[in-house]
């Protein structure tokens, strides 16, 4: 059965570094899994300006 170089590389990487999955989860928690401030989200949505239908058209 054919196996791509990338698949082989990823399998070997996980065999040599079994802690890699846990490191990835920890890094994700640092940058992405954070509590959201609802007031900030509300202000961002309220201040949004709709994009015109054709953005490259100049206004006369």
PDB file of N, CA and C in Angstrom:
ATOM      1  N   UNK A   1       0.837  -1.182   0.000  1.00  0.00           N
ATOM      2  CA  UNK A   1       0.000   0.000   0.000  1.00  0.00           C
ATOM      3  C   UNK A   1       0.888   1.255   0.000  1.00  0.00           C
ATOM      4  N   UNK A   2       0.498   2.235  -0.797  1.00  0.00           N
ATOM      5  CA  UNK A   2       1.281   3.472  -0.908  1.00  0.00           C
ATOM      6  C   UNK A   2       1.131   4.308   0.361  1.00  0.00           C
ATOM      7  N   UNK A   3       2.221   4.917   0.763  1.00  0.00           N
ATOM      8  CA  UNK A   3       2.215   5.825   1.908  1.00  0.00           C
ATOM      9  C   UNK A   3       3.058   7.034   1.529  1.00  0.00           C
ATOM     10  N   UNK A   4       2.487   8.202   1.660  1.00  0.00           N
ATOM     11  CA  UNK A   4       3.203   9.412   1.250  1.00  0.00           C
ATOM     12  C   UNK A   4       4.351   9.710   2.210  1.00  0.00           C
ATOM     13  N   UNK A   5       5.262  10.525   1.727  1.00  0.00           N
ATOM     14  CA  UNK A   5       6.407  10.915   2.554  1.00  0.00           C
ATOM     15  C   UNK A   5       5.957  11.684   3.790  1.00  0.00           C
ATOM     16  N   UNK A   6       4.952  12.500   3.636  1.00  0.00           N
ATOM     17  CA  UNK A   6       4.458  13.296   4.759  1.00  0.00           C
ATOM     18  C   UNK A   6       3.826  12.403   5.816  1.00  0.00           C
ATOM     19  N   UNK A   7       3.042  11.425   5.395  1.00  0.00           N
ATOM     20  CA  UNK A   7       2.432  10.493   6.347  1.00  0.00           C
ATOM     21  C   UNK A   7       3.510   9.724   7.103  1.00  0.00           C
ATOM     22  N   UNK A   8       4.507   9.264   6.396  1.00  0.00           N
ATOM     23  CA  UNK A   8       5.613   8.547   7.022  1.00  0.00           C
ATOM     24  C   UNK A   8       6.349   9.450   8.008  1.00  0.00           C
ATOM     25  N   UNK A   9       6.597  10.704   7.596  1.00  0.00           N
ATOM     26  CA  UNK A   9       7.281  11.658   8.467  1.00  0.00           C
ATOM     27  C   UNK A   9       6.486  11.896   9.749  1.00  0.00           C
ATOM     28  N   UNK A  10       5.167  12.097   9.615  1.00  0.00           N
ATOM     29  CA  UNK A  10       4.352  12.359  10.800  1.00  0.00           C
ATOM     30  C   UNK A  10       4.318  11.154  11.728  1.00  0.00           C
ATOM     31  N   UNK A  11       4.233   9.963  11.184  1.00  0.00           N
ATOM     32  CA  UNK A  11       4.217   8.774  12.022  1.00  0.00           C
ATOM     33  C   UNK A  11       5.545   8.617  12.768  1.00  0.00           C
ATOM     34  N   UNK A  12       6.647   8.818  12.058  1.00  0.00           N
ATOM     35  CA  UNK A  12       7.958   8.727  12.705  1.00  0.00           C
ATOM     36  C   UNK A  12       8.149   9.817  13.743  1.00  0.00           C
ATOM     37  N   UNK A  13       7.652  11.003  13.462  1.00  0.00           N
ATOM     38  CA  UNK A  13       7.756  12.108  14.421  1.00  0.00           C
ATOM     39  C   UNK A  13       7.008  11.776  15.706  1.00  0.00           C
ATOM     40  N   UNK A  14       5.819  11.228  15.583  1.00  0.00           N
ATOM     41  CA  UNK A  14       5.042  10.871  16.770  1.00  0.00           C
ATOM     42  C   UNK A  14       5.668   9.702  17.526  1.00  0.00           C
ATOM     43  N   UNK A  15       6.362   8.827  16.820  1.00  0.00           N
ATOM     44  CA  UNK A  15       7.043   7.726  17.510  1.00  0.00           C
ATOM     45  C   UNK A  15       8.258   8.234  18.278  1.00  0.00           C
ATOM     46  N   UNK A  16       8.973   9.185  17.707  1.00  0.00           N
ATOM     47  CA  UNK A  16      10.171   9.696  18.378  1.00  0.00           C
ATOM     48  C   UNK A  16       9.839  10.715  19.461  1.00  0.00           C
ATOM     49  N   UNK A  17       8.713  11.411  19.317  1.00  0.00           N
ATOM     50  CA  UNK A  17       8.300  12.412  20.315  1.00  0.00           C
ATOM     51  C   UNK A  17       6.866  12.148  20.746  1.00  0.00           C
ATOM     52  N   UNK A  18       6.636  11.174  21.627  1.00  0.00           N
ATOM     53  CA  UNK A  18       5.265  10.844  22.033  1.00  0.00           C
ATOM     54  C   UNK A  18       4.577  11.971  22.813  1.00  0.00           C
ATOM     55  N   UNK A  19       5.336  12.894  23.371  1.00  0.00           N
ATOM     56  CA  UNK A  19       4.753  14.008  24.128  1.00  0.00           C
ATOM     57  C   UNK A  19       4.292  15.145  23.224  1.00  0.00           C
ATOM     58  N   UNK A  20       4.459  15.015  21.929  1.00  0.00           N
ATOM     59  CA  UNK A  20       4.147  16.082  20.981  1.00  0.00           C
ATOM     60  C   UNK A  20       2.676  16.491  21.035  1.00  0.00           C
ATOM     61  N   UNK A  21       1.766  15.529  21.129  1.00  0.00           N
ATOM     62  CA  UNK A  21       0.345  15.862  21.187  1.00  0.00           C
ATOM     63  C   UNK A  21       0.022  16.716  22.410  1.00  0.00           C
ATOM     64  N   UNK A  22       0.609  16.371  23.540  1.00  0.00           N
ATOM     65  CA  UNK A  22       0.359  17.150  24.763  1.00  0.00           C
ATOM     66  C   UNK A  22       0.961  18.545  24.659  1.00  0.00           C
ATOM     67  N   UNK A  23       2.118  18.665  24.036  1.00  0.00           N
ATOM     68  CA  UNK A  23       2.725  19.983  23.830  1.00  0.00           C
ATOM     69  C   UNK A  23       1.848  20.848  22.920  1.00  0.00           C
ATOM     70  N   UNK A  24       1.275  20.251  21.894  1.00  0.00           N
ATOM     71  CA  UNK A  24       0.395  21.003  20.996  1.00  0.00           C
ATOM     72  C   UNK A  24      -0.853  21.477  21.728  1.00  0.00           C
ATOM     73  N   UNK A  25      -1.428  20.617  22.571  1.00  0.00           N
ATOM     74  CA  UNK A  25      -2.605  21.040  23.350  1.00  0.00           C
ATOM     75  C   UNK A  25      -2.269  22.181  24.302  1.00  0.00           C
ATOM     76  N   UNK A  26      -1.100  22.107  24.933  1.00  0.00           N
ATOM     77  CA  UNK A  26      -0.686  23.168  25.857  1.00  0.00           C
ATOM     78  C   UNK A  26      -0.480  24.486  25.107  1.00  0.00           C
ATOM     79  N   UNK A  27       0.133  24.422  23.931  1.00  0.00           N
ATOM     80  CA  UNK A  27       0.350  25.642  23.146  1.00  0.00           C
ATOM     81  C   UNK A  27      -0.983  26.230  22.679  1.00  0.00           C
ATOM     82  N   UNK A  28      -1.914  25.376  22.299  1.00  0.00           N
ATOM     83  CA  UNK A  28      -3.228  25.864  21.892  1.00  0.00           C
ATOM     84  C   UNK A  28      -3.935  26.561  23.047  1.00  0.00           C
ATOM     85  N   UNK A  29      -3.802  26.015  24.232  1.00  0.00           N
ATOM     86  CA  UNK A  29      -4.443  26.619  25.409  1.00  0.00           C
ATOM     87  C   UNK A  29      -3.881  28.005  25.691  1.00  0.00           C
ATOM     88  N   UNK A  30      -2.610  28.213  25.383  1.00  0.00           N
ATOM     89  CA  UNK A  30      -1.995  29.528  25.621  1.00  0.00           C
ATOM     90  C   UNK A  30      -2.603  30.577  24.703  1.00  0.00           C
ATOM     91  N   UNK A  31      -2.783  30.239  23.421  1.00  0.00           N
ATOM     92  CA  UNK A  31      -3.176  31.247  22.437  1.00  0.00           C
ATOM     93  C   UNK A  31      -4.656  31.282  22.105  1.00  0.00           C
ATOM     94  N   UNK A  32      -5.347  30.148  22.149  1.00  0.00           N
ATOM     95  CA  UNK A  32      -6.699  30.113  21.622  1.00  0.00           C
ATOM     96  C   UNK A  32      -7.778  29.856  22.664  1.00  0.00           C
ATOM     97  N   UNK A  33      -7.554  28.964  23.579  1.00  0.00           N
ATOM     98  CA  UNK A  33      -8.591  28.584  24.528  1.00  0.00           C
ATOM     99  C   UNK A  33      -8.617  29.552  25.700  1.00  0.00           C
ATOM    100  N   UNK A  34      -9.161  30.705  25.472  1.00  0.00           N
ATOM    101  CA  UNK A  34      -9.239  31.742  26.495  1.00  0.00           C
ATOM    102  C   UNK A  34     -10.694  32.156  26.698  1.00  0.00           C
ATOM    103  N   UNK A  35     -11.018  32.570  27.910  1.00  0.00           N
ATOM    104  CA  UNK A  35     -12.382  33.069  28.124  1.00  0.00           C
ATOM    105  C   UNK A  35     -12.598  34.362  27.336  1.00  0.00           C
ATOM    106  N   UNK A  36     -13.794  34.525  26.819  1.00  0.00           N
ATOM    107  CA  UNK A  36     -14.106  35.680  25.996  1.00  0.00           C
ATOM    108  C   UNK A  36     -14.831  36.739  26.826  1.00  0.00           C
ATOM    109  N   UNK A  37     -14.465  37.980  26.612  1.00  0.00           N
ATOM    110  CA  UNK A  37     -15.138  39.103  27.262  1.00  0.00           C
ATOM    111  C   UNK A  37     -16.338  39.476  26.397  1.00  0.00           C
ATOM    112  N   UNK A  38     -17.521  39.264  26.894  1.00  0.00           N
ATOM    113  CA  UNK A  38     -18.734  39.489  26.105  1.00  0.00           C
ATOM    114  C   UNK A  38     -18.922  40.962  25.740  1.00  0.00           C
ATOM    115  N   UNK A  39     -18.543  41.873  26.603  1.00  0.00           N
ATOM    116  CA  UNK A  39     -18.681  43.297  26.309  1.00  0.00           C
ATOM    117  C   UNK A  39     -17.772  43.703  25.147  1.00  0.00           C
ATOM    118  N   UNK A  40     -16.561  43.203  25.125  1.00  0.00           N
ATOM    119  CA  UNK A  40     -15.645  43.499  24.034  1.00  0.00           C
ATOM    120  C   UNK A  40     -16.175  42.933  22.726  1.00  0.00           C
ATOM    121  N   UNK A  41     -16.682  41.713  22.750  1.00  0.00           N
ATOM    122  CA  UNK A  41     -17.254  41.128  21.535  1.00  0.00           C
ATOM    123  C   UNK A  41     -18.442  41.939  21.040  1.00  0.00           C
ATOM    124  N   UNK A  42     -19.284  42.409  21.944  1.00  0.00           N
ATOM    125  CA  UNK A  42     -20.450  43.208  21.558  1.00  0.00           C
ATOM    126  C   UNK A  42     -20.009  44.520  20.910  1.00  0.00           C
ATOM    127  N   UNK A  43     -18.990  45.177  21.480  1.00  0.00           N
ATOM    128  CA  UNK A  43     -18.503  46.438  20.916  1.00  0.00           C
ATOM    129  C   UNK A  43     -17.874  46.221  19.536  1.00  0.00           C
ATOM    130  N   UNK A  44     -17.161  45.121  19.352  1.00  0.00           N
ATOM    131  CA  UNK A  44     -16.562  44.836  18.041  1.00  0.00           C
ATOM    132  C   UNK A  44     -17.642  44.627  16.988  1.00  0.00           C
ATOM    133  N   UNK A  45     -18.686  43.893  17.333  1.00  0.00           N
ATOM    134  CA  UNK A  45     -19.773  43.669  16.383  1.00  0.00           C
ATOM    135  C   UNK A  45     -20.516  44.959  16.068  1.00  0.00           C
ATOM    136  N   UNK A  46     -20.714  45.803  17.079  1.00  0.00           N
ATOM    137  CA  UNK A  46     -21.452  47.050  16.878  1.00  0.00           C
ATOM    138  C   UNK A  46     -20.656  48.050  16.030  1.00  0.00           C
ATOM    139  N   UNK A  47     -19.337  48.010  16.101  1.00  0.00           N
ATOM    140  CA  UNK A  47     -18.527  48.991  15.375  1.00  0.00           C
ATOM    141  C   UNK A  47     -18.157  48.529  13.969  1.00  0.00           C
ATOM    142  N   UNK A  48     -18.631  47.400  13.567  1.00  0.00           N
ATOM    143  CA  UNK A  48     -18.307  46.862  12.250  1.00  0.00           C
ATOM    144  C   UNK A  48     -18.982  47.675  11.145  1.00  0.00           C
ATOM    145  N   UNK A  49     -18.226  47.981  10.088  1.00  0.00           N
ATOM    146  CA  UNK A  49     -18.736  48.736   8.950  1.00  0.00           C
ATOM    147  C   UNK A  49     -18.963  47.750   7.804  1.00  0.00           C
ATOM    148  N   UNK A  50     -20.157  47.735   7.213  1.00  0.00           N
ATOM    149  CA  UNK A  50     -20.402  46.792   6.124  1.00  0.00           C
ATOM    150  C   UNK A  50     -19.546  47.105   4.899  1.00  0.00           C
ATOM    151  N   UNK A  51     -19.109  46.062   4.240  1.00  0.00           N
ATOM    152  CA  UNK A  51     -18.294  46.225   3.048  1.00  0.00           C
ATOM    153  C   UNK A  51     -19.206  46.541   1.865  1.00  0.00           C
ATOM    154  N   UNK A  52     -18.801  47.508   1.007  1.00  0.00           N
ATOM    155  CA  UNK A  52     -19.622  47.819  -0.170  1.00  0.00           C
ATOM    156  C   UNK A  52     -19.657  46.638  -1.143  1.00  0.00           C
ATOM    157  N   UNK A  53     -20.629  46.655  -2.014  1.00  0.00           N
ATOM    158  CA  UNK A  53     -20.818  45.552  -2.958  1.00  0.00           C
ATOM    159  C   UNK A  53     -19.602  45.400  -3.886  1.00  0.00           C
ATOM    160  N   UNK A  54     -19.069  46.488  -4.342  1.00  0.00           N
ATOM    161  CA  UNK A  54     -17.908  46.421  -5.212  1.00  0.00           C
ATOM    162  C   UNK A  54     -16.840  47.303  -4.598  1.00  0.00           C
ATOM    163  N   UNK A  55     -15.835  46.686  -3.987  1.00  0.00           N
ATOM    164  CA  UNK A  55     -14.874  47.443  -3.181  1.00  0.00           C
ATOM    165  C   UNK A  55     -13.940  48.318  -3.998  1.00  0.00           C
ATOM    166  N   UNK A  56     -13.735  48.009  -5.288  1.00  0.00           N
ATOM    167  CA  UNK A  56     -12.774  48.775  -6.083  1.00  0.00           C
ATOM    168  C   UNK A  56     -13.402  49.975  -6.796  1.00  0.00           C
ATOM    169  N   UNK A  57     -14.688  50.132  -6.683  1.00  0.00           N
ATOM    170  CA  UNK A  57     -15.361  51.259  -7.325  1.00  0.00           C
ATOM    171  C   UNK A  57     -15.081  52.526  -6.519  1.00  0.00           C
ATOM    172  N   UNK A  58     -14.660  53.584  -7.226  1.00  0.00           N
ATOM    173  CA  UNK A  58     -14.405  54.833  -6.535  1.00  0.00           C
ATOM    174  C   UNK A  58     -15.714  55.574  -6.326  1.00  0.00           C
ATOM    175  N   UNK A  59     -15.768  56.309  -5.256  1.00  0.00           N
ATOM    176  CA  UNK A  59     -16.980  57.092  -4.968  1.00  0.00           C
ATOM    177  C   UNK A  59     -16.852  58.464  -5.597  1.00  0.00           C
ATOM    178  N   UNK A  60     -17.848  58.860  -6.312  1.00  0.00           N
ATOM    179  CA  UNK A  60     -17.801  60.145  -7.027  1.00  0.00           C
ATOM    180  C   UNK A  60     -18.378  61.249  -6.178  1.00  0.00           C
TER     181      UNK A  60
END
